[in-house]
Amino acid sequence: MDYISRMYGFCTELLRRQPLAEPSFLAAAREVREDQLAVPSSSQVVPELERRAAGHRSVPGGAHSSSAASRRSAFRR
């Protein structure tokens, strides 16, 4: 069980124990949980980020390195 589900369960149980708990609080807690569960987890996001970053990596000594070196040398002149 993940952190969000545990917190939802804790909050839900706390609200149920309250004698004056309003039904709208429980409904709002359910809504928040549904919203949070709709967001992808980091284990789902990281592979996609790695795939996208792989296309933008510079090669050591490649174009990015030489352009940085040329900018530095331009300031020395």
N, C-alpha and C. Protein backbone atom coordinates (compact mmCIF):
# COMPACT_ATOMS: atom_id res chain seq x y z
N MET A 1 0.86 -1.18 0.00
CA MET A 1 0.00 0.00 0.00
C MET A 1 0.90 1.24 0.00
N ASP A 2 0.63 2.16 -0.85
CA ASP A 2 1.46 3.36 -0.94
C ASP A 2 1.05 4.41 0.09
N TYR A 3 1.87 5.43 0.18
CA TYR A 3 1.67 6.48 1.18
C TYR A 3 0.32 7.17 1.03
N ILE A 4 -0.08 7.46 -0.19
CA ILE A 4 -1.33 8.18 -0.42
C ILE A 4 -2.52 7.34 0.06
N SER A 5 -2.50 6.07 -0.25
CA SER A 5 -3.59 5.20 0.19
C SER A 5 -3.64 5.09 1.70
N ARG A 6 -2.47 5.00 2.34
CA ARG A 6 -2.45 4.93 3.80
C ARG A 6 -2.99 6.21 4.42
N MET A 7 -2.58 7.35 3.87
CA MET A 7 -3.06 8.63 4.42
C MET A 7 -4.56 8.78 4.21
N TYR A 8 -5.04 8.37 3.04
CA TYR A 8 -6.47 8.41 2.78
C TYR A 8 -7.21 7.56 3.80
N GLY A 9 -6.71 6.34 4.03
CA GLY A 9 -7.34 5.45 5.00
C GLY A 9 -7.33 6.05 6.40
N PHE A 10 -6.21 6.66 6.76
CA PHE A 10 -6.11 7.29 8.07
C PHE A 10 -7.11 8.43 8.21
N CYS A 11 -7.15 9.30 7.21
CA CYS A 11 -8.07 10.45 7.25
C CYS A 11 -9.52 10.00 7.24
N THR A 12 -9.82 9.00 6.44
CA THR A 12 -11.19 8.48 6.37
C THR A 12 -11.61 7.92 7.72
N GLU A 13 -10.73 7.12 8.33
CA GLU A 13 -11.05 6.53 9.64
C GLU A 13 -11.20 7.62 10.69
N LEU A 14 -10.36 8.61 10.66
CA LEU A 14 -10.45 9.72 11.61
C LEU A 14 -11.79 10.44 11.48
N LEU A 15 -12.20 10.68 10.24
CA LEU A 15 -13.48 11.35 10.02
C LEU A 15 -14.66 10.49 10.48
N ARG A 16 -14.55 9.20 10.28
CA ARG A 16 -15.64 8.31 10.71
C ARG A 16 -15.78 8.28 12.22
N ARG A 17 -14.68 8.45 12.92
CA ARG A 17 -14.71 8.41 14.38
C ARG A 17 -15.28 9.68 14.98
N GLN A 18 -15.27 10.75 14.22
CA GLN A 18 -15.76 12.03 14.72
C GLN A 18 -17.29 11.99 14.75
N PRO A 19 -17.90 12.23 15.93
CA PRO A 19 -19.37 12.16 16.01
C PRO A 19 -20.05 13.25 15.18
N LEU A 20 -19.38 14.36 14.95
CA LEU A 20 -20.00 15.46 14.22
C LEU A 20 -19.43 15.60 12.80
N ALA A 21 -18.75 14.57 12.34
CA ALA A 21 -18.13 14.64 11.01
C ALA A 21 -19.19 14.87 9.94
N GLU A 22 -18.90 15.80 9.10
CA GLU A 22 -19.83 16.10 8.01
C GLU A 22 -19.60 15.16 6.84
N PRO A 23 -20.63 14.69 6.20
CA PRO A 23 -20.46 13.82 5.04
C PRO A 23 -19.65 14.49 3.92
N SER A 24 -19.71 15.81 3.86
CA SER A 24 -18.95 16.51 2.81
C SER A 24 -17.44 16.33 3.00
N PHE A 25 -16.97 16.18 4.25
CA PHE A 25 -15.54 15.95 4.50
C PHE A 25 -15.10 14.63 3.89
N LEU A 26 -15.90 13.60 4.10
CA LEU A 26 -15.61 12.28 3.55
C LEU A 26 -15.62 12.32 2.03
N ALA A 27 -16.59 12.99 1.48
CA ALA A 27 -16.68 13.11 0.02
C ALA A 27 -15.46 13.85 -0.53
N ALA A 28 -15.04 14.90 0.16
CA ALA A 28 -13.87 15.66 -0.28
C ALA A 28 -12.61 14.81 -0.19
N ALA A 29 -12.49 14.02 0.87
CA ALA A 29 -11.34 13.13 1.02
C ALA A 29 -11.28 12.11 -0.12
N ARG A 30 -12.43 11.59 -0.49
CA ARG A 30 -12.48 10.64 -1.61
C ARG A 30 -12.07 11.32 -2.91
N GLU A 31 -12.51 12.55 -3.09
CA GLU A 31 -12.15 13.29 -4.30
C GLU A 31 -10.65 13.53 -4.39
N VAL A 32 -10.07 13.92 -3.26
CA VAL A 32 -8.62 14.16 -3.23
C VAL A 32 -7.87 12.87 -3.54
N ARG A 33 -8.32 11.77 -2.96
CA ARG A 33 -7.66 10.49 -3.22
C ARG A 33 -7.76 10.12 -4.69
N GLU A 34 -8.90 10.29 -5.30
CA GLU A 34 -9.05 9.98 -6.72
C GLU A 34 -8.13 10.84 -7.58
N ASP A 35 -8.02 12.12 -7.23
CA ASP A 35 -7.12 13.02 -7.96
C ASP A 35 -5.67 12.56 -7.84
N GLN A 36 -5.27 12.18 -6.62
CA GLN A 36 -3.89 11.77 -6.39
C GLN A 36 -3.58 10.44 -7.07
N LEU A 37 -4.54 9.54 -7.10
CA LEU A 37 -4.32 8.26 -7.76
C LEU A 37 -4.28 8.40 -9.28
N ALA A 38 -4.83 9.48 -9.80
CA ALA A 38 -4.80 9.71 -11.25
C ALA A 38 -3.43 10.18 -11.73
N VAL A 39 -2.61 10.68 -10.81
CA VAL A 39 -1.27 11.16 -11.15
C VAL A 39 -0.33 9.96 -11.25
N PRO A 40 0.48 9.87 -12.31
CA PRO A 40 1.38 8.72 -12.43
C PRO A 40 2.44 8.72 -11.33
N SER A 41 2.85 7.52 -10.94
CA SER A 41 3.87 7.40 -9.90
C SER A 41 5.24 7.68 -10.51
N SER A 42 6.23 7.87 -9.65
CA SER A 42 7.58 8.15 -10.15
C SER A 42 8.12 6.95 -10.92
N SER A 43 7.74 5.73 -10.54
CA SER A 43 8.21 4.56 -11.29
C SER A 43 7.62 4.52 -12.70
N GLN A 44 6.52 5.22 -12.92
CA GLN A 44 5.94 5.30 -14.26
C GLN A 44 6.55 6.47 -15.04
N VAL A 45 6.96 7.52 -14.35
CA VAL A 45 7.44 8.72 -15.01
C VAL A 45 8.92 8.65 -15.36
N VAL A 46 9.73 8.07 -14.48
CA VAL A 46 11.19 8.08 -14.66
C VAL A 46 11.62 7.45 -15.98
N PRO A 47 11.13 6.28 -16.37
CA PRO A 47 11.57 5.72 -17.66
C PRO A 47 11.29 6.65 -18.84
N GLU A 48 10.17 7.32 -18.82
CA GLU A 48 9.86 8.26 -19.91
C GLU A 48 10.81 9.44 -19.89
N LEU A 49 11.13 9.96 -18.71
CA LEU A 49 12.08 11.08 -18.61
C LEU A 49 13.47 10.65 -19.08
N GLU A 50 13.88 9.44 -18.71
CA GLU A 50 15.17 8.93 -19.16
C GLU A 50 15.21 8.80 -20.68
N ARG A 51 14.12 8.31 -21.25
CA ARG A 51 14.06 8.15 -22.71
C ARG A 51 14.19 9.51 -23.40
N ARG A 52 13.48 10.50 -22.87
CA ARG A 52 13.54 11.83 -23.46
C ARG A 52 14.90 12.48 -23.28
N ALA A 53 15.51 12.28 -22.12
CA ALA A 53 16.82 12.88 -21.85
C ALA A 53 17.91 12.24 -22.70
N ALA A 54 17.75 10.96 -23.03
CA ALA A 54 18.76 10.26 -23.83
C ALA A 54 18.96 10.94 -25.19
N GLY A 55 17.93 11.51 -25.73
CA GLY A 55 18.03 12.19 -27.02
C GLY A 55 18.73 13.54 -26.95
N HIS A 56 18.98 14.03 -25.73
CA HIS A 56 19.58 15.35 -25.58
C HIS A 56 20.94 15.32 -24.91
N ARG A 57 21.48 14.14 -24.70
CA ARG A 57 22.79 14.03 -24.06
C ARG A 57 23.87 14.45 -25.03
N SER A 58 24.85 15.17 -24.52
CA SER A 58 25.98 15.56 -25.37
C SER A 58 27.08 14.52 -25.24
N VAL A 59 27.83 14.36 -26.29
CA VAL A 59 28.94 13.41 -26.31
C VAL A 59 30.17 14.14 -25.80
N PRO A 60 30.96 13.52 -24.90
CA PRO A 60 32.17 14.19 -24.42
C PRO A 60 33.06 14.58 -25.60
N GLY A 61 33.46 15.82 -25.63
CA GLY A 61 34.26 16.33 -26.74
C GLY A 61 33.44 16.64 -27.97
N GLY A 62 32.12 16.53 -27.84
CA GLY A 62 31.23 16.76 -28.98
C GLY A 62 30.92 18.23 -29.17
N ALA A 63 29.85 18.51 -29.89
CA ALA A 63 29.49 19.88 -30.26
C ALA A 63 29.26 20.76 -29.05
N HIS A 64 28.65 20.21 -28.01
CA HIS A 64 28.36 21.03 -26.85
C HIS A 64 29.64 21.46 -26.15
N SER A 65 30.61 20.53 -26.06
CA SER A 65 31.86 20.84 -25.38
C SER A 65 32.66 21.87 -26.16
N SER A 66 32.75 21.70 -27.48
CA SER A 66 33.56 22.62 -28.27
C SER A 66 32.93 24.01 -28.31
N SER A 67 31.60 24.09 -28.33
CA SER A 67 30.98 25.41 -28.35
C SER A 67 31.22 26.13 -27.03
N ALA A 68 31.22 25.38 -25.94
CA ALA A 68 31.51 26.00 -24.64
C ALA A 68 32.95 26.47 -24.61
N ALA A 69 33.86 25.67 -25.17
CA ALA A 69 35.27 26.07 -25.21
C ALA A 69 35.47 27.30 -26.09
N SER A 70 34.75 27.37 -27.21
CA SER A 70 34.91 28.53 -28.09
C SER A 70 34.35 29.79 -27.44
N ARG A 71 33.29 29.65 -26.66
CA ARG A 71 32.76 30.82 -25.95
C ARG A 71 33.76 31.31 -24.92
N ARG A 72 34.40 30.37 -24.22
CA ARG A 72 35.39 30.77 -23.21
C ARG A 72 36.56 31.47 -23.88
N SER A 73 37.02 30.95 -25.02
CA SER A 73 38.17 31.56 -25.69
C SER A 73 37.81 32.94 -26.26
N ALA A 74 36.56 33.13 -26.62
CA ALA A 74 36.12 34.43 -27.14
C ALA A 74 36.21 35.50 -26.07
N PHE A 75 35.98 35.12 -24.82
CA PHE A 75 36.07 36.10 -23.73
C PHE A 75 37.52 36.42 -23.38
N ARG A 76 38.44 35.55 -23.70
CA ARG A 76 39.85 35.77 -23.36
C ARG A 76 40.52 36.75 -24.33
N ARG A 77 39.95 36.92 -25.50
CA ARG A 77 40.58 37.78 -26.52
C ARG A 77 40.57 39.21 -26.17
